[in-house]
């Protein structure tokens, strides 16, 4: 059965930063929401592209060899697999939708990744 997922309601269920929450799965992918603030570590994903969709706030993604991409609400940026990058906020908290193959570590390294959490 299909269900409606209200992303704002899901985002209202937690306050921590840099800890994505899976709100749905499809075709072996996790659909996640996350709140971020500040700067994440430089990292890369060797086996998958990195999908960012800004829901609220302003995000900058520093991409090695490509400079910086600035995203506003409604914007999407896909960082190609193997590309070193660093997401960071400009002012305050940013809400995002992420889509990744289930099991993909958010830091690119399973040893330092946030654990998978379901909402």
C-alpha atoms as a PDB file:
ATOM      1  CA  UNK A   1       0.000   0.000   0.000  1.00  0.00           C
ATOM      2  CA  UNK A   2       1.208   3.507  -0.782  1.00  0.00           C
ATOM      3  CA  UNK A   3       1.608   5.981   2.019  1.00  0.00           C
ATOM      4  CA  UNK A   4       2.154   9.713   2.163  1.00  0.00           C
ATOM      5  CA  UNK A   5       5.341  10.781   3.915  1.00  0.00           C
ATOM      6  CA  UNK A   6       5.330  14.320   5.230  1.00  0.00           C
ATOM      7  CA  UNK A   7       8.945  15.413   5.342  1.00  0.00           C
ATOM      8  CA  UNK A   8       8.320  18.387   7.646  1.00  0.00           C
ATOM      9  CA  UNK A   9       6.677  16.067  10.183  1.00  0.00           C
ATOM     10  CA  UNK A  10       9.629  13.683   9.986  1.00  0.00           C
ATOM     11  CA  UNK A  11      12.101  16.556  10.406  1.00  0.00           C
ATOM     12  CA  UNK A  12      10.151  17.678  13.494  1.00  0.00           C
ATOM     13  CA  UNK A  13      10.844  14.350  15.218  1.00  0.00           C
ATOM     14  CA  UNK A  14      14.546  14.993  15.895  1.00  0.00           C
ATOM     15  CA  UNK A  15      17.007  17.807  16.538  1.00  0.00           C
ATOM     16  CA  UNK A  16      20.478  16.295  16.170  1.00  0.00           C
ATOM     17  CA  UNK A  17      22.725  17.282  13.298  1.00  0.00           C
ATOM     18  CA  UNK A  18      24.521  15.200  10.654  1.00  0.00           C
ATOM     19  CA  UNK A  19      22.498  12.101  11.533  1.00  0.00           C
ATOM     20  CA  UNK A  20      20.253  11.140   8.581  1.00  0.00           C
ATOM     21  CA  UNK A  21      16.919   9.430   9.221  1.00  0.00           C
ATOM     22  CA  UNK A  22      15.510   6.970   6.702  1.00  0.00           C
ATOM     23  CA  UNK A  23      11.871   7.805   5.992  1.00  0.00           C
ATOM     24  CA  UNK A  24      11.315   5.378   3.108  1.00  0.00           C
ATOM     25  CA  UNK A  25      13.065   2.854   0.903  1.00  0.00           C
ATOM     26  CA  UNK A  26      12.655   2.111  -2.772  1.00  0.00           C
ATOM     27  CA  UNK A  27      14.567  -0.089  -5.208  1.00  0.00           C
ATOM     28  CA  UNK A  28      17.367  -0.674  -2.710  1.00  0.00           C
ATOM     29  CA  UNK A  29      17.729   3.021  -1.835  1.00  0.00           C
ATOM     30  CA  UNK A  30      17.176   4.898   1.410  1.00  0.00           C
ATOM     31  CA  UNK A  31      15.226   8.142   1.218  1.00  0.00           C
ATOM     32  CA  UNK A  32      16.456  10.194   4.168  1.00  0.00           C
ATOM     33  CA  UNK A  33      15.993  13.545   5.843  1.00  0.00           C
ATOM     34  CA  UNK A  34      18.780  15.235   7.756  1.00  0.00           C
ATOM     35  CA  UNK A  35      19.461  18.463   9.620  1.00  0.00           C
ATOM     36  CA  UNK A  36      22.953  19.856   9.276  1.00  0.00           C
ATOM     37  CA  UNK A  37      24.774  22.811  10.742  1.00  0.00           C
ATOM     38  CA  UNK A  38      28.382  23.837  10.350  1.00  0.00           C
ATOM     39  CA  UNK A  39      30.919  21.933   8.324  1.00  0.00           C
ATOM     40  CA  UNK A  40      31.254  18.224   7.524  1.00  0.00           C
ATOM     41  CA  UNK A  41      34.588  16.532   6.872  1.00  0.00           C
ATOM     42  CA  UNK A  42      36.024  16.250   3.381  1.00  0.00           C
ATOM     43  CA  UNK A  43      35.054  12.809   2.099  1.00  0.00           C
ATOM     44  CA  UNK A  44      34.120  10.800  -0.979  1.00  0.00           C
ATOM     45  CA  UNK A  45      31.991   7.820  -1.908  1.00  0.00           C
ATOM     46  CA  UNK A  46      33.913   5.433  -4.137  1.00  0.00           C
ATOM     47  CA  UNK A  47      30.903   3.400  -5.277  1.00  0.00           C
ATOM     48  CA  UNK A  48      27.991   5.830  -5.503  1.00  0.00           C
ATOM     49  CA  UNK A  49      27.104   9.398  -6.422  1.00  0.00           C
ATOM     50  CA  UNK A  50      26.024  11.683  -3.546  1.00  0.00           C
ATOM     51  CA  UNK A  51      22.551  13.254  -3.919  1.00  0.00           C
ATOM     52  CA  UNK A  52      21.661  16.476  -2.048  1.00  0.00           C
ATOM     53  CA  UNK A  53      18.244  18.191  -2.168  1.00  0.00           C
ATOM     54  CA  UNK A  54      17.907  21.287   0.023  1.00  0.00           C
ATOM     55  CA  UNK A  55      14.514  21.667   1.685  1.00  0.00           C
ATOM     56  CA  UNK A  56      15.320  24.670   3.915  1.00  0.00           C
ATOM     57  CA  UNK A  57      18.347  26.899   4.441  1.00  0.00           C
ATOM     58  CA  UNK A  58      21.421  27.533   2.331  1.00  0.00           C
ATOM     59  CA  UNK A  59      24.039  24.862   1.671  1.00  0.00           C
ATOM     60  CA  UNK A  60      27.473  25.109   0.146  1.00  0.00           C
ATOM     61  CA  UNK A  61      29.257  22.050  -1.183  1.00  0.00           C
ATOM     62  CA  UNK A  62      32.977  22.420  -1.692  1.00  0.00           C
ATOM     63  CA  UNK A  63      33.991  20.022  -4.466  1.00  0.00           C
ATOM     64  CA  UNK A  64      37.669  19.399  -5.087  1.00  0.00           C
ATOM     65  CA  UNK A  65      38.663  20.599  -8.552  1.00  0.00           C
ATOM     66  CA  UNK A  66      35.211  22.170  -9.120  1.00  0.00           C
ATOM     67  CA  UNK A  67      35.105  24.998  -6.549  1.00  0.00           C
ATOM     68  CA  UNK A  68      31.928  25.536  -4.514  1.00  0.00           C
ATOM     69  CA  UNK A  69      28.282  24.925  -5.363  1.00  0.00           C
ATOM     70  CA  UNK A  70      25.642  26.998  -3.511  1.00  0.00           C
ATOM     71  CA  UNK A  71      22.202  25.487  -3.035  1.00  0.00           C
ATOM     72  CA  UNK A  72      18.955  27.108  -1.915  1.00  0.00           C
ATOM     73  CA  UNK A  73      15.593  25.492  -1.028  1.00  0.00           C
ATOM     74  CA  UNK A  74      14.434  23.358  -3.926  1.00  0.00           C
ATOM     75  CA  UNK A  75      17.926  22.947  -5.391  1.00  0.00           C
ATOM     76  CA  UNK A  76      19.571  19.591  -6.069  1.00  0.00           C
ATOM     77  CA  UNK A  77      23.258  18.804  -6.502  1.00  0.00           C
ATOM     78  CA  UNK A  78      24.720  15.411  -7.358  1.00  0.00           C
ATOM     79  CA  UNK A  79      28.387  14.878  -6.545  1.00  0.00           C
ATOM     80  CA  UNK A  80      29.874  12.144  -8.764  1.00  0.00           C
ATOM     81  CA  UNK A  81      31.246   9.029  -7.111  1.00  0.00           C
ATOM     82  CA  UNK A  82      34.900   9.259  -6.190  1.00  0.00           C
ATOM     83  CA  UNK A  83      34.800  13.073  -6.000  1.00  0.00           C
ATOM     84  CA  UNK A  84      36.160  14.577  -2.768  1.00  0.00           C
ATOM     85  CA  UNK A  85      33.628  17.019  -1.296  1.00  0.00           C
ATOM     86  CA  UNK A  86      32.538  18.812   1.875  1.00  0.00           C
ATOM     87  CA  UNK A  87      28.991  20.045   2.594  1.00  0.00           C
ATOM     88  CA  UNK A  88      28.636  23.025   4.915  1.00  0.00           C
ATOM     89  CA  UNK A  89      25.971  25.458   5.989  1.00  0.00           C
ATOM     90  CA  UNK A  90      26.098  29.204   5.453  1.00  0.00           C
ATOM     91  CA  UNK A  91      23.842  30.497   8.247  1.00  0.00           C
ATOM     92  CA  UNK A  92      22.125  28.196  10.711  1.00  0.00           C
ATOM     93  CA  UNK A  93      20.502  24.844  10.119  1.00  0.00           C
ATOM     94  CA  UNK A  94      19.860  23.305   6.700  1.00  0.00           C
ATOM     95  CA  UNK A  95      17.203  20.623   6.122  1.00  0.00           C
ATOM     96  CA  UNK A  96      17.893  18.176   3.305  1.00  0.00           C
ATOM     97  CA  UNK A  97      16.537  15.151   1.516  1.00  0.00           C
ATOM     98  CA  UNK A  98      19.159  12.531   0.648  1.00  0.00           C
ATOM     99  CA  UNK A  99      18.819   9.426  -1.519  1.00  0.00           C
ATOM    100  CA  UNK A 100      21.507   6.749  -1.321  1.00  0.00           C
ATOM    101  CA  UNK A 101      21.787   3.003  -1.801  1.00  0.00           C
ATOM    102  CA  UNK A 102      20.927   1.346   1.513  1.00  0.00           C
ATOM    103  CA  UNK A 103      24.080   0.882   3.558  1.00  0.00           C
ATOM    104  CA  UNK A 104      26.050   3.770   2.051  1.00  0.00           C
ATOM    105  CA  UNK A 105      28.063   5.413   4.868  1.00  0.00           C
ATOM    106  CA  UNK A 106      27.387   9.161   5.042  1.00  0.00           C
ATOM    107  CA  UNK A 107      31.077   9.868   5.677  1.00  0.00           C
ATOM    108  CA  UNK A 108      32.299   7.575   2.917  1.00  0.00           C
ATOM    109  CA  UNK A 109      33.883   5.372   5.611  1.00  0.00           C
ATOM    110  CA  UNK A 110      31.859   2.773   7.569  1.00  0.00           C
ATOM    111  CA  UNK A 111      34.085   3.312  10.619  1.00  0.00           C
ATOM    112  CA  UNK A 112      33.101   6.982  10.971  1.00  0.00           C
ATOM    113  CA  UNK A 113      29.575   6.964   9.485  1.00  0.00           C
ATOM    114  CA  UNK A 114      26.403   7.838  11.367  1.00  0.00           C
ATOM    115  CA  UNK A 115      24.381   4.696  12.122  1.00  0.00           C
ATOM    116  CA  UNK A 116      21.300   4.014   9.975  1.00  0.00           C
ATOM    117  CA  UNK A 117      18.192   5.236  11.790  1.00  0.00           C
ATOM    118  CA  UNK A 118      14.615   4.667  10.698  1.00  0.00           C
ATOM    119  CA  UNK A 119      11.735   7.066  11.339  1.00  0.00           C
END
